[in-house]
PDB file of N, CA and C in Angstrom:
ATOM      1  N   UNK A   1       3.904 152.018 105.655  1.00  0.00           N
ATOM      2  CA  UNK A   1       4.505 153.278 106.155  1.00  0.00           C
ATOM      3  C   UNK A   1       3.366 154.189 106.646  1.00  0.00           C
ATOM      4  N   UNK A   2       3.725 155.045 107.556  1.00  0.00           N
ATOM      5  CA  UNK A   2       2.834 156.002 108.089  1.00  0.00           C
ATOM      6  C   UNK A   2       3.014 157.399 107.462  1.00  0.00           C
ATOM      7  N   UNK A   3       4.030 157.437 106.546  1.00  0.00           N
ATOM      8  CA  UNK A   3       4.342 158.704 105.910  1.00  0.00           C
ATOM      9  C   UNK A   3       4.023 158.525 104.408  1.00  0.00           C
ATOM     10  N   UNK A   4       3.174 159.375 103.889  1.00  0.00           N
ATOM     11  CA  UNK A   4       2.699 159.186 102.521  1.00  0.00           C
ATOM     12  C   UNK A   4       3.950 159.381 101.618  1.00  0.00           C
ATOM     13  N   UNK A   5       4.241 158.419 100.666  1.00  0.00           N
ATOM     14  CA  UNK A   5       5.356 158.569  99.819  1.00  0.00           C
ATOM     15  C   UNK A   5       5.160 159.656  98.716  1.00  0.00           C
ATOM     16  N   UNK A   6       6.265 160.268  98.423  1.00  0.00           N
ATOM     17  CA  UNK A   6       6.247 161.249  97.308  1.00  0.00           C
ATOM     18  C   UNK A   6       6.536 160.461  96.042  1.00  0.00           C
ATOM     19  N   UNK A   7       6.568 161.103  94.881  1.00  0.00           N
ATOM     20  CA  UNK A   7       6.683 160.370  93.623  1.00  0.00           C
ATOM     21  C   UNK A   7       8.001 159.639  93.525  1.00  0.00           C
ATOM     22  N   UNK A   8       9.115 160.288  93.951  1.00  0.00           N
ATOM     23  CA  UNK A   8      10.429 159.737  93.748  1.00  0.00           C
ATOM     24  C   UNK A   8      11.197 159.470  95.062  1.00  0.00           C
ATOM     25  N   UNK A   9      10.524 159.725  96.143  1.00  0.00           N
ATOM     26  CA  UNK A   9      11.229 159.564  97.441  1.00  0.00           C
ATOM     27  C   UNK A   9      10.193 158.788  98.346  1.00  0.00           C
ATOM     28  N   UNK A  10      10.708 158.013  99.298  1.00  0.00           N
ATOM     29  CA  UNK A  10       9.849 157.197 100.163  1.00  0.00           C
ATOM     30  C   UNK A  10       9.049 157.991 101.161  1.00  0.00           C
ATOM     31  N   UNK A  11       9.377 159.285 101.393  1.00  0.00           N
ATOM     32  CA  UNK A  11       8.668 160.083 102.356  1.00  0.00           C
ATOM     33  C   UNK A  11       8.386 161.448 101.843  1.00  0.00           C
ATOM     34  N   UNK A  12       7.101 161.914 102.182  1.00  0.00           N
ATOM     35  CA  UNK A  12       6.757 163.271 101.756  1.00  0.00           C
ATOM     36  C   UNK A  12       6.688 164.198 102.912  1.00  0.00           C
ATOM     37  N   UNK A  13       6.656 163.641 104.167  1.00  0.00           N
ATOM     38  CA  UNK A  13       6.432 164.439 105.355  1.00  0.00           C
ATOM     39  C   UNK A  13       4.957 164.546 105.727  1.00  0.00           C
ATOM     40  N   UNK A  14       4.110 163.998 104.890  1.00  0.00           N
ATOM     41  CA  UNK A  14       2.659 164.053 105.165  1.00  0.00           C
ATOM     42  C   UNK A  14       2.167 162.683 105.655  1.00  0.00           C
ATOM     43  N   UNK A  15       1.277 162.705 106.638  1.00  0.00           N
ATOM     44  CA  UNK A  15       0.790 161.407 107.165  1.00  0.00           C
ATOM     45  C   UNK A  15      -0.216 160.775 106.239  1.00  0.00           C
ATOM     46  N   UNK A  16      -0.247 159.423 106.311  1.00  0.00           N
ATOM     47  CA  UNK A  16      -1.290 158.730 105.532  1.00  0.00           C
ATOM     48  C   UNK A  16      -2.614 158.728 106.253  1.00  0.00           C
ATOM     49  N   UNK A  17      -3.742 158.692 105.546  1.00  0.00           N
ATOM     50  CA  UNK A  17      -5.008 158.650 106.214  1.00  0.00           C
ATOM     51  C   UNK A  17      -5.401 157.231 106.582  1.00  0.00           C
ATOM     52  N   UNK A  18      -4.798 156.277 105.896  1.00  0.00           N
ATOM     53  CA  UNK A  18      -5.142 154.876 106.143  1.00  0.00           C
ATOM     54  C   UNK A  18      -3.946 154.067 105.767  1.00  0.00           C
ATOM     55  N   UNK A  19      -3.588 153.106 106.570  1.00  0.00           N
ATOM     56  CA  UNK A  19      -2.415 152.257 106.320  1.00  0.00           C
ATOM     57  C   UNK A  19      -2.840 150.844 106.074  1.00  0.00           C
ATOM     58  N   UNK A  20      -2.341 150.201 104.993  1.00  0.00           N
ATOM     59  CA  UNK A  20      -2.652 148.780 104.723  1.00  0.00           C
ATOM     60  C   UNK A  20      -1.332 148.092 104.616  1.00  0.00           C
ATOM     61  N   UNK A  21      -1.184 146.950 105.265  1.00  0.00           N
ATOM     62  CA  UNK A  21       0.088 146.298 105.301  1.00  0.00           C
ATOM     63  C   UNK A  21       0.204 144.997 104.461  1.00  0.00           C
ATOM     64  N   UNK A  22      -0.811 144.735 103.637  1.00  0.00           N
ATOM     65  CA  UNK A  22      -0.760 143.545 102.776  1.00  0.00           C
ATOM     66  C   UNK A  22      -1.571 143.721 101.532  1.00  0.00           C
ATOM     67  N   UNK A  23      -1.272 143.001 100.454  1.00  0.00           N
ATOM     68  CA  UNK A  23      -2.095 143.063  99.286  1.00  0.00           C
ATOM     69  C   UNK A  23      -3.513 142.643  99.603  1.00  0.00           C
ATOM     70  N   UNK A  24      -3.747 141.613 100.501  1.00  0.00           N
ATOM     71  CA  UNK A  24      -5.051 141.228 100.855  1.00  0.00           C
ATOM     72  C   UNK A  24      -5.860 142.349 101.513  1.00  0.00           C
ATOM     73  N   UNK A  25      -5.236 143.106 102.380  1.00  0.00           N
ATOM     74  CA  UNK A  25      -5.916 144.255 102.997  1.00  0.00           C
ATOM     75  C   UNK A  25      -6.291 145.248 101.986  1.00  0.00           C
ATOM     76  N   UNK A  26      -5.418 145.539 101.018  1.00  0.00           N
ATOM     77  CA  UNK A  26      -5.734 146.487  99.945  1.00  0.00           C
ATOM     78  C   UNK A  26      -6.927 145.960  99.084  1.00  0.00           C
ATOM     79  N   UNK A  27      -6.897 144.711  98.765  1.00  0.00           N
ATOM     80  CA  UNK A  27      -8.055 144.097  98.052  1.00  0.00           C
ATOM     81  C   UNK A  27      -9.339 144.251  98.782  1.00  0.00           C
ATOM     82  N   UNK A  28      -9.284 143.950 100.104  1.00  0.00           N
ATOM     83  CA  UNK A  28     -10.475 144.050 100.953  1.00  0.00           C
ATOM     84  C   UNK A  28     -10.993 145.493 100.864  1.00  0.00           C
ATOM     85  N   UNK A  29     -10.110 146.447 101.035  1.00  0.00           N
ATOM     86  CA  UNK A  29     -10.518 147.914 101.008  1.00  0.00           C
ATOM     87  C   UNK A  29     -11.174 148.254  99.683  1.00  0.00           C
ATOM     88  N   UNK A  30     -10.617 147.792  98.601  1.00  0.00           N
ATOM     89  CA  UNK A  30     -11.168 148.137  97.260  1.00  0.00           C
ATOM     90  C   UNK A  30     -12.496 147.448  97.086  1.00  0.00           C
ATOM     91  N   UNK A  31     -12.589 146.207  97.545  1.00  0.00           N
ATOM     92  CA  UNK A  31     -13.882 145.498  97.428  1.00  0.00           C
ATOM     93  C   UNK A  31     -14.907 146.267  98.167  1.00  0.00           C
ATOM     94  N   UNK A  32     -14.738 146.675  99.445  1.00  0.00           N
ATOM     95  CA  UNK A  32     -15.651 147.440 100.252  1.00  0.00           C
ATOM     96  C   UNK A  32     -15.993 148.755  99.595  1.00  0.00           C
ATOM     97  N   UNK A  33     -15.003 149.426  99.065  1.00  0.00           N
ATOM     98  CA  UNK A  33     -15.228 150.642  98.423  1.00  0.00           C
ATOM     99  C   UNK A  33     -16.180 150.503  97.253  1.00  0.00           C
ATOM    100  N   UNK A  34     -15.996 149.505  96.398  1.00  0.00           N
ATOM    101  CA  UNK A  34     -16.844 149.182  95.303  1.00  0.00           C
ATOM    102  C   UNK A  34     -18.229 148.803  95.762  1.00  0.00           C
ATOM    103  N   UNK A  35     -18.331 147.965  96.762  1.00  0.00           N
ATOM    104  CA  UNK A  35     -19.623 147.480  97.252  1.00  0.00           C
ATOM    105  C   UNK A  35     -20.454 148.564  97.836  1.00  0.00           C
ATOM    106  N   UNK A  36     -19.821 149.524  98.402  1.00  0.00           N
ATOM    107  CA  UNK A  36     -20.544 150.704  98.987  1.00  0.00           C
ATOM    108  C   UNK A  36     -21.040 151.697  97.918  1.00  0.00           C
ATOM    109  N   UNK A  37     -20.467 151.537  96.685  1.00  0.00           N
ATOM    110  CA  UNK A  37     -20.876 152.489  95.605  1.00  0.00           C
ATOM    111  C   UNK A  37     -20.309 153.859  95.781  1.00  0.00           C
ATOM    112  N   UNK A  38     -19.204 153.969  96.531  1.00  0.00           N
ATOM    113  CA  UNK A  38     -18.589 155.223  96.685  1.00  0.00           C
ATOM    114  C   UNK A  38     -18.041 155.784  95.369  1.00  0.00           C
ATOM    115  N   UNK A  39     -18.282 157.050  95.105  1.00  0.00           N
ATOM    116  CA  UNK A  39     -17.877 157.607  93.823  1.00  0.00           C
ATOM    117  C   UNK A  39     -16.494 158.269  93.836  1.00  0.00           C
ATOM    118  N   UNK A  40     -15.914 158.399  94.983  1.00  0.00           N
ATOM    119  CA  UNK A  40     -14.541 158.928  95.082  1.00  0.00           C
ATOM    120  C   UNK A  40     -13.523 157.856  94.688  1.00  0.00           C
ATOM    121  N   UNK A  41     -12.295 158.307  94.507  1.00  0.00           N
ATOM    122  CA  UNK A  41     -11.212 157.369  94.143  1.00  0.00           C
ATOM    123  C   UNK A  41     -10.492 156.905  95.360  1.00  0.00           C
ATOM    124  N   UNK A  42      -9.611 155.958  95.113  1.00  0.00           N
ATOM    125  CA  UNK A  42      -8.672 155.396  96.117  1.00  0.00           C
ATOM    126  C   UNK A  42      -7.303 155.527  95.647  1.00  0.00           C
ATOM    127  N   UNK A  43      -6.386 156.015  96.442  1.00  0.00           N
ATOM    128  CA  UNK A  43      -4.992 156.049  96.099  1.00  0.00           C
ATOM    129  C   UNK A  43      -4.192 155.037  96.920  1.00  0.00           C
ATOM    130  N   UNK A  44      -3.595 154.088  96.215  1.00  0.00           N
ATOM    131  CA  UNK A  44      -2.695 153.126  96.896  1.00  0.00           C
ATOM    132  C   UNK A  44      -1.319 153.531  96.497  1.00  0.00           C
ATOM    133  N   UNK A  45      -0.527 153.961  97.536  1.00  0.00           N
ATOM    134  CA  UNK A  45       0.759 154.480  97.252  1.00  0.00           C
ATOM    135  C   UNK A  45       1.811 153.540  97.892  1.00  0.00           C
ATOM    136  N   UNK A  46       2.819 153.140  97.169  1.00  0.00           N
ATOM    137  CA  UNK A  46       3.910 152.291  97.687  1.00  0.00           C
ATOM    138  C   UNK A  46       5.196 153.092  97.529  1.00  0.00           C
ATOM    139  N   UNK A  47       5.928 153.206  98.684  1.00  0.00           N
ATOM    140  CA  UNK A  47       7.201 154.015  98.627  1.00  0.00           C
ATOM    141  C   UNK A  47       8.224 153.399  97.685  1.00  0.00           C
ATOM    142  N   UNK A  48       8.948 154.215  97.020  1.00  0.00           N
ATOM    143  CA  UNK A  48      10.089 153.765  96.232  1.00  0.00           C
ATOM    144  C   UNK A  48      11.094 153.047  97.115  1.00  0.00           C
ATOM    145  N   UNK A  49      11.763 152.049  96.531  1.00  0.00           N
ATOM    146  CA  UNK A  49      12.752 151.318  97.278  1.00  0.00           C
ATOM    147  C   UNK A  49      13.839 152.211  97.811  1.00  0.00           C
ATOM    148  N   UNK A  50      14.356 151.858  99.026  1.00  0.00           N
ATOM    149  CA  UNK A  50      15.456 152.673  99.575  1.00  0.00           C
ATOM    150  C   UNK A  50      16.666 152.758  98.672  1.00  0.00           C
ATOM    151  N   UNK A  51      17.012 151.675  97.998  1.00  0.00           N
ATOM    152  CA  UNK A  51      18.228 151.707  97.152  1.00  0.00           C
ATOM    153  C   UNK A  51      18.026 152.541  95.925  1.00  0.00           C
ATOM    154  N   UNK A  52      16.820 152.930  95.528  1.00  0.00           N
ATOM    155  CA  UNK A  52      16.541 153.790  94.403  1.00  0.00           C
ATOM    156  C   UNK A  52      16.340 155.256  94.892  1.00  0.00           C
ATOM    157  N   UNK A  53      16.043 155.452  96.102  1.00  0.00           N
ATOM    158  CA  UNK A  53      15.712 156.791  96.633  1.00  0.00           C
ATOM    159  C   UNK A  53      16.789 157.780  96.543  1.00  0.00           C
ATOM    160  N   UNK A  54      18.066 157.369  96.735  1.00  0.00           N
ATOM    161  CA  UNK A  54      19.130 158.370  96.680  1.00  0.00           C
ATOM    162  C   UNK A  54      19.195 159.051  95.383  1.00  0.00           C
ATOM    163  N   UNK A  55      19.082 158.314  94.237  1.00  0.00           N
ATOM    164  CA  UNK A  55      19.045 158.949  92.942  1.00  0.00           C
ATOM    165  C   UNK A  55      17.845 159.766  92.720  1.00  0.00           C
ATOM    166  N   UNK A  56      16.711 159.198  93.190  1.00  0.00           N
ATOM    167  CA  UNK A  56      15.399 159.814  93.051  1.00  0.00           C
ATOM    168  C   UNK A  56      15.365 161.145  93.827  1.00  0.00           C
ATOM    169  N   UNK A  57      16.147 161.348  94.888  1.00  0.00           N
ATOM    170  CA  UNK A  57      16.135 162.579  95.612  1.00  0.00           C
ATOM    171  C   UNK A  57      16.507 163.759  94.755  1.00  0.00           C
ATOM    172  N   UNK A  58      17.453 163.569  93.780  1.00  0.00           N
ATOM    173  CA  UNK A  58      17.770 164.726  92.944  1.00  0.00           C
ATOM    174  C   UNK A  58      16.673 165.017  91.922  1.00  0.00           C
ATOM    175  N   UNK A  59      15.872 163.989  91.563  1.00  0.00           N
ATOM    176  CA  UNK A  59      14.777 164.235  90.715  1.00  0.00           C
ATOM    177  C   UNK A  59      13.663 164.975  91.527  1.00  0.00           C
ATOM    178  N   UNK A  60      13.519 164.591  92.746  1.00  0.00           N
ATOM    179  CA  UNK A  60      12.446 165.294  93.614  1.00  0.00           C
ATOM    180  C   UNK A  60      12.826 166.755  93.798  1.00  0.00           C
ATOM    181  N   UNK A  61      14.083 167.053  93.955  1.00  0.00           N
ATOM    182  CA  UNK A  61      14.603 168.426  94.137  1.00  0.00           C
ATOM    183  C   UNK A  61      14.336 169.208  92.828  1.00  0.00           C
ATOM    184  N   UNK A  62      14.645 168.639  91.666  1.00  0.00           N
ATOM    185  CA  UNK A  62      14.395 169.251  90.380  1.00  0.00           C
ATOM    186  C   UNK A  62      12.876 169.555  90.186  1.00  0.00           C
ATOM    187  N   UNK A  63      11.989 168.642  90.715  1.00  0.00           N
ATOM    188  CA  UNK A  63      10.581 168.823  90.602  1.00  0.00           C
ATOM    189  C   UNK A  63      10.140 169.939  91.468  1.00  0.00           C
ATOM    190  N   UNK A  64      10.704 170.002  92.698  1.00  0.00           N
ATOM    191  CA  UNK A  64      10.368 171.048  93.605  1.00  0.00           C
ATOM    192  C   UNK A  64      10.729 172.443  93.042  1.00  0.00           C
ATOM    193  N   UNK A  65      11.907 172.530  92.462  1.00  0.00           N
ATOM    194  CA  UNK A  65      12.372 173.824  91.823  1.00  0.00           C
ATOM    195  C   UNK A  65      11.383 174.205  90.638  1.00  0.00           C
ATOM    196  N   UNK A  66      11.058 173.180  89.825  1.00  0.00           N
ATOM    197  CA  UNK A  66      10.102 173.439  88.749  1.00  0.00           C
ATOM    198  C   UNK A  66       8.814 173.980  89.189  1.00  0.00           C
ATOM    199  N   UNK A  67       8.323 173.384  90.280  1.00  0.00           N
ATOM    200  CA  UNK A  67       6.978 173.842  90.820  1.00  0.00           C
ATOM    201  C   UNK A  67       7.154 175.318  91.274  1.00  0.00           C
ATOM    202  N   UNK A  68       8.194 175.610  92.018  1.00  0.00           N
ATOM    203  CA  UNK A  68       8.429 176.947  92.480  1.00  0.00           C
ATOM    204  C   UNK A  68       8.503 177.901  91.305  1.00  0.00           C
ATOM    205  N   UNK A  69       9.185 177.575  90.208  1.00  0.00           N
ATOM    206  CA  UNK A  69       9.272 178.397  89.046  1.00  0.00           C
ATOM    207  C   UNK A  69       7.917 178.625  88.428  1.00  0.00           C
ATOM    208  N   UNK A  70       7.102 177.536  88.357  1.00  0.00           N
ATOM    209  CA  UNK A  70       5.775 177.678  87.700  1.00  0.00           C
ATOM    210  C   UNK A  70       4.868 178.622  88.566  1.00  0.00           C
ATOM    211  N   UNK A  71       5.009 178.541  89.898  1.00  0.00           N
ATOM    212  CA  UNK A  71       4.243 179.465  90.715  1.00  0.00           C
ATOM    213  C   UNK A  71       4.716 180.918  90.538  1.00  0.00           C
ATOM    214  N   UNK A  72       6.010 181.111  90.505  1.00  0.00           N
ATOM    215  CA  UNK A  72       6.565 182.430  90.267  1.00  0.00           C
ATOM    216  C   UNK A  72       6.175 183.043  88.909  1.00  0.00           C
ATOM    217  N   UNK A  73       6.021 182.223  87.921  1.00  0.00           N
ATOM    218  CA  UNK A  73       5.600 182.638  86.584  1.00  0.00           C
ATOM    219  C   UNK A  73       4.084 182.721  86.368  1.00  0.00           C
ATOM    220  N   UNK A  74       3.322 182.314  87.386  1.00  0.00           N
ATOM    221  CA  UNK A  74       1.900 182.377  87.274  1.00  0.00           C
ATOM    222  C   UNK A  74       1.247 181.214  86.465  1.00  0.00           C
ATOM    223  N   UNK A  75       1.992 180.168  86.306  1.00  0.00           N
ATOM    224  CA  UNK A  75       1.474 179.071  85.538  1.00  0.00           C
ATOM    225  C   UNK A  75       0.541 178.229  86.569  1.00  0.00           C
ATOM    226  N   UNK A  76      -0.690 177.942  86.082  1.00  0.00           N
ATOM    227  CA  UNK A  76      -1.614 177.287  86.936  1.00  0.00           C
ATOM    228  C   UNK A  76      -2.312 176.145  86.235  1.00  0.00           C
ATOM    229  N   UNK A  77      -3.001 175.325  87.058  1.00  0.00           N
ATOM    230  CA  UNK A  77      -3.886 174.316  86.542  1.00  0.00           C
ATOM    231  C   UNK A  77      -3.067 173.261  85.663  1.00  0.00           C
ATOM    232  N   UNK A  78      -3.785 172.776  84.663  1.00  0.00           N
ATOM    233  CA  UNK A  78      -3.205 171.739  83.814  1.00  0.00           C
ATOM    234  C   UNK A  78      -2.005 172.215  82.996  1.00  0.00           C
ATOM    235  N   UNK A  79      -1.758 173.506  82.912  1.00  0.00           N
ATOM    236  CA  UNK A  79      -0.563 174.014  82.209  1.00  0.00           C
ATOM    237  C   UNK A  79       0.717 173.706  83.045  1.00  0.00           C
ATOM    238  N   UNK A  80       0.609 173.418  84.356  1.00  0.00           N
ATOM    239  CA  UNK A  80       1.766 173.069  85.120  1.00  0.00           C
ATOM    240  C   UNK A  80       2.325 171.733  84.684  1.00  0.00           C
ATOM    241  N   UNK A  81       1.481 170.758  84.305  1.00  0.00           N
ATOM    242  CA  UNK A  81       1.981 169.519  83.823  1.00  0.00           C
ATOM    243  C   UNK A  81       2.161 169.522  82.355  1.00  0.00           C
TER     244      UNK A  81
END
């Protein structure tokens, strides 16, 4: 996918910075990352299956509302989670 998946929905509206289309390509990326000694992390994101996304959309909406409420109440940092 060219759209970074959200936690419970297959699309977030944000573009991916790198696309890998196979487990072998992901393994190659991780191998190169380790070989280079890069200290940053790697996020491998796989979209939720379409048949599960309809139910997940309501969870995503609830999460969005919870985040808005935490911002409105001044909750920040690790207290949000």
